[in-house]
Amino acid sequence: MRLDKYLKISRLIKRRTVANEACDNGRVTLNGRIARASAEVKPGDIIGISFGNRETRVEVLTVQENVRKEAAADLFRYLPSPETASVKEEETMNPEAGGEF
């Protein structure tokens, strides 16, 4: 399935034209590389979407042509963003740097 269609079907982005524009502007990555709207998505792929100063990363679990709104969240799994993972790693290595007790 095309990346722009997957983003719309999974409801990560509301409209396919908006998903297409996000891909054209380089705000969407597929497995760590900037992706075009026509890139093929398959289970196991990692999609990154930049929204302003925030990045959302998801892992593709299944690819389906039609999905009900209630089942759309079952198509993917949220992953921690790289910034969040590095902050958590820093806190576990150095508890005095801001870890809670």
C-alpha atoms as a PDB file:
ATOM      1  CA  MET A   1       0.000   0.000   0.000  1.00  0.00           C
ATOM      2  CA  ARG A   2       1.176   3.536  -0.730  1.00  0.00           C
ATOM      3  CA  LEU A   3       2.498   5.523   2.226  1.00  0.00           C
ATOM      4  CA  ASP A   4       0.066   8.432   1.796  1.00  0.00           C
ATOM      5  CA  LYS A   5      -2.893   6.049   1.684  1.00  0.00           C
ATOM      6  CA  TYR A   6      -1.662   4.167   4.776  1.00  0.00           C
ATOM      7  CA  LEU A   7      -1.324   7.427   6.721  1.00  0.00           C
ATOM      8  CA  LYS A   8      -4.934   8.273   5.847  1.00  0.00           C
ATOM      9  CA  ILE A   9      -6.389   4.774   6.443  1.00  0.00           C
ATOM     10  CA  SER A  10      -4.623   4.483   9.816  1.00  0.00           C
ATOM     11  CA  ARG A  11      -5.803   8.021  10.686  1.00  0.00           C
ATOM     12  CA  LEU A  12      -2.311   9.202  11.557  1.00  0.00           C
ATOM     13  CA  ILE A  13      -3.074  12.064   9.136  1.00  0.00           C
ATOM     14  CA  LYS A  14      -6.701  13.009   8.440  1.00  0.00           C
ATOM     15  CA  ARG A  15      -6.597  13.558   4.673  1.00  0.00           C
ATOM     16  CA  ARG A  16      -4.667  11.851   1.916  1.00  0.00           C
ATOM     17  CA  THR A  17      -3.779  15.183   0.282  1.00  0.00           C
ATOM     18  CA  VAL A  18      -2.284  16.397   3.572  1.00  0.00           C
ATOM     19  CA  ALA A  19      -0.328  13.128   3.850  1.00  0.00           C
ATOM     20  CA  ASN A  20       0.892  13.602   0.283  1.00  0.00           C
ATOM     21  CA  GLU A  21       2.020  17.176   1.034  1.00  0.00           C
ATOM     22  CA  ALA A  22       3.810  16.060   4.229  1.00  0.00           C
ATOM     23  CA  CYS A  23       5.727  13.470   2.207  1.00  0.00           C
ATOM     24  CA  ASP A  24       6.567  16.028  -0.505  1.00  0.00           C
ATOM     25  CA  ASN A  25       7.913  18.430   2.149  1.00  0.00           C
ATOM     26  CA  GLY A  26      10.190  15.763   3.672  1.00  0.00           C
ATOM     27  CA  ARG A  27       8.302  15.498   6.976  1.00  0.00           C
ATOM     28  CA  VAL A  28       7.683  11.750   6.701  1.00  0.00           C
ATOM     29  CA  THR A  29      10.348   9.061   7.012  1.00  0.00           C
ATOM     30  CA  LEU A  30      10.090   5.352   6.296  1.00  0.00           C
ATOM     31  CA  ASN A  31      12.675   3.188   8.054  1.00  0.00           C
ATOM     32  CA  GLY A  32      14.862   6.222   8.748  1.00  0.00           C
ATOM     33  CA  ARG A  33      14.848   7.650   5.211  1.00  0.00           C
ATOM     34  CA  ILE A  34      12.788  10.512   3.847  1.00  0.00           C
ATOM     35  CA  ALA A  35       9.947   8.855   1.963  1.00  0.00           C
ATOM     36  CA  ARG A  36       7.877   9.756  -1.052  1.00  0.00           C
ATOM     37  CA  ALA A  37       4.095   9.398  -0.965  1.00  0.00           C
ATOM     38  CA  SER A  38       4.345   6.485  -3.406  1.00  0.00           C
ATOM     39  CA  ALA A  39       6.635   4.394  -1.156  1.00  0.00           C
ATOM     40  CA  GLU A  40       5.281   0.942  -0.353  1.00  0.00           C
ATOM     41  CA  VAL A  41       4.412   0.244   3.293  1.00  0.00           C
ATOM     42  CA  LYS A  42       4.580  -3.266   4.747  1.00  0.00           C
ATOM     43  CA  PRO A  43       4.314  -4.742   8.256  1.00  0.00           C
ATOM     44  CA  GLY A  44       7.411  -4.074  10.351  1.00  0.00           C
ATOM     45  CA  ASP A  45       8.193  -0.705   8.746  1.00  0.00           C
ATOM     46  CA  ILE A  46       8.894   2.290  10.993  1.00  0.00           C
ATOM     47  CA  ILE A  47       7.174   5.542  10.008  1.00  0.00           C
ATOM     48  CA  GLY A  48       8.281   8.890  11.433  1.00  0.00           C
ATOM     49  CA  ILE A  49       6.136  12.016  11.081  1.00  0.00           C
ATOM     50  CA  SER A  50       7.369  15.491  12.049  1.00  0.00           C
ATOM     51  CA  PHE A  51       4.668  17.808  13.378  1.00  0.00           C
ATOM     52  CA  GLY A  52       6.253  21.195  14.069  1.00  0.00           C
ATOM     53  CA  ASN A  53       8.798  20.576  16.819  1.00  0.00           C
ATOM     54  CA  ARG A  54       7.439  17.115  17.706  1.00  0.00           C
ATOM     55  CA  GLU A  55       8.090  13.795  15.989  1.00  0.00           C
ATOM     56  CA  THR A  56       5.810  10.778  16.128  1.00  0.00           C
ATOM     57  CA  ARG A  57       7.179   7.320  15.355  1.00  0.00           C
ATOM     58  CA  VAL A  58       5.041   4.239  14.735  1.00  0.00           C
ATOM     59  CA  GLU A  59       5.646   0.642  13.745  1.00  0.00           C
ATOM     60  CA  VAL A  60       3.347  -0.769  11.071  1.00  0.00           C
ATOM     61  CA  LEU A  61       1.612  -3.895  12.404  1.00  0.00           C
ATOM     62  CA  THR A  62      -0.795  -4.664   9.557  1.00  0.00           C
ATOM     63  CA  VAL A  63      -1.756  -3.200   6.192  1.00  0.00           C
ATOM     64  CA  GLN A  64      -5.439  -3.259   5.215  1.00  0.00           C
ATOM     65  CA  GLU A  65      -7.320  -1.514   2.412  1.00  0.00           C
ATOM     66  CA  ASN A  66     -10.405  -0.554   4.444  1.00  0.00           C
ATOM     67  CA  VAL A  67     -10.601  -0.139   8.204  1.00  0.00           C
ATOM     68  CA  ARG A  68     -13.346   1.066  10.521  1.00  0.00           C
ATOM     69  CA  LYS A  69     -12.528   4.095  12.636  1.00  0.00           C
ATOM     70  CA  GLU A  70     -12.533   2.012  15.838  1.00  0.00           C
ATOM     71  CA  ALA A  71      -9.991  -0.468  14.421  1.00  0.00           C
ATOM     72  CA  ALA A  72      -7.611   2.089  12.867  1.00  0.00           C
ATOM     73  CA  ALA A  73      -5.373   2.194  15.967  1.00  0.00           C
ATOM     74  CA  ASP A  74      -4.749  -1.558  15.601  1.00  0.00           C
ATOM     75  CA  LEU A  75      -2.820  -0.982  12.363  1.00  0.00           C
ATOM     76  CA  PHE A  76       0.201   0.505  14.148  1.00  0.00           C
ATOM     77  CA  ARG A  77       2.033   0.791  17.461  1.00  0.00           C
ATOM     78  CA  TYR A  78       3.500   4.025  18.825  1.00  0.00           C
ATOM     79  CA  LEU A  79       7.257   3.996  19.449  1.00  0.00           C
ATOM     80  CA  PRO A  80       9.252   6.343  21.672  1.00  0.00           C
ATOM     81  CA  SER A  81      10.817   9.192  19.716  1.00  0.00           C
ATOM     82  CA  PRO A  82      14.649   9.295  19.553  1.00  0.00           C
ATOM     83  CA  GLU A  83      14.740  12.382  21.806  1.00  0.00           C
ATOM     84  CA  THR A  84      12.604  10.705  24.472  1.00  0.00           C
ATOM     85  CA  ALA A  85      14.684   7.531  24.381  1.00  0.00           C
ATOM     86  CA  SER A  86      17.963   9.444  24.833  1.00  0.00           C
ATOM     87  CA  VAL A  87      16.571  11.462  27.770  1.00  0.00           C
ATOM     88  CA  LYS A  88      15.343   8.297  29.518  1.00  0.00           C
ATOM     89  CA  GLU A  89      18.696   6.596  28.897  1.00  0.00           C
ATOM     90  CA  GLU A  90      20.507   9.611  30.373  1.00  0.00           C
ATOM     91  CA  GLU A  91      18.321   9.565  33.489  1.00  0.00           C
ATOM     92  CA  THR A  92      18.964   5.864  34.119  1.00  0.00           C
ATOM     93  CA  MET A  93      22.718   6.337  33.759  1.00  0.00           C
ATOM     94  CA  ASN A  94      22.840   9.432  35.981  1.00  0.00           C
ATOM     95  CA  PRO A  95      19.976   9.527  38.529  1.00  0.00           C
ATOM     96  CA  GLU A  96      21.132  12.873  40.009  1.00  0.00           C
ATOM     97  CA  ALA A  97      20.615  14.579  36.625  1.00  0.00           C
ATOM     98  CA  GLY A  98      16.878  14.739  37.035  1.00  0.00           C
ATOM     99  CA  GLY A  99      15.571  11.304  37.876  1.00  0.00           C
ATOM    100  CA  GLU A 100      12.684  11.068  40.305  1.00  0.00           C
ATOM    101  CA  PHE A 101      12.903   9.148  43.563  1.00  0.00           C
END
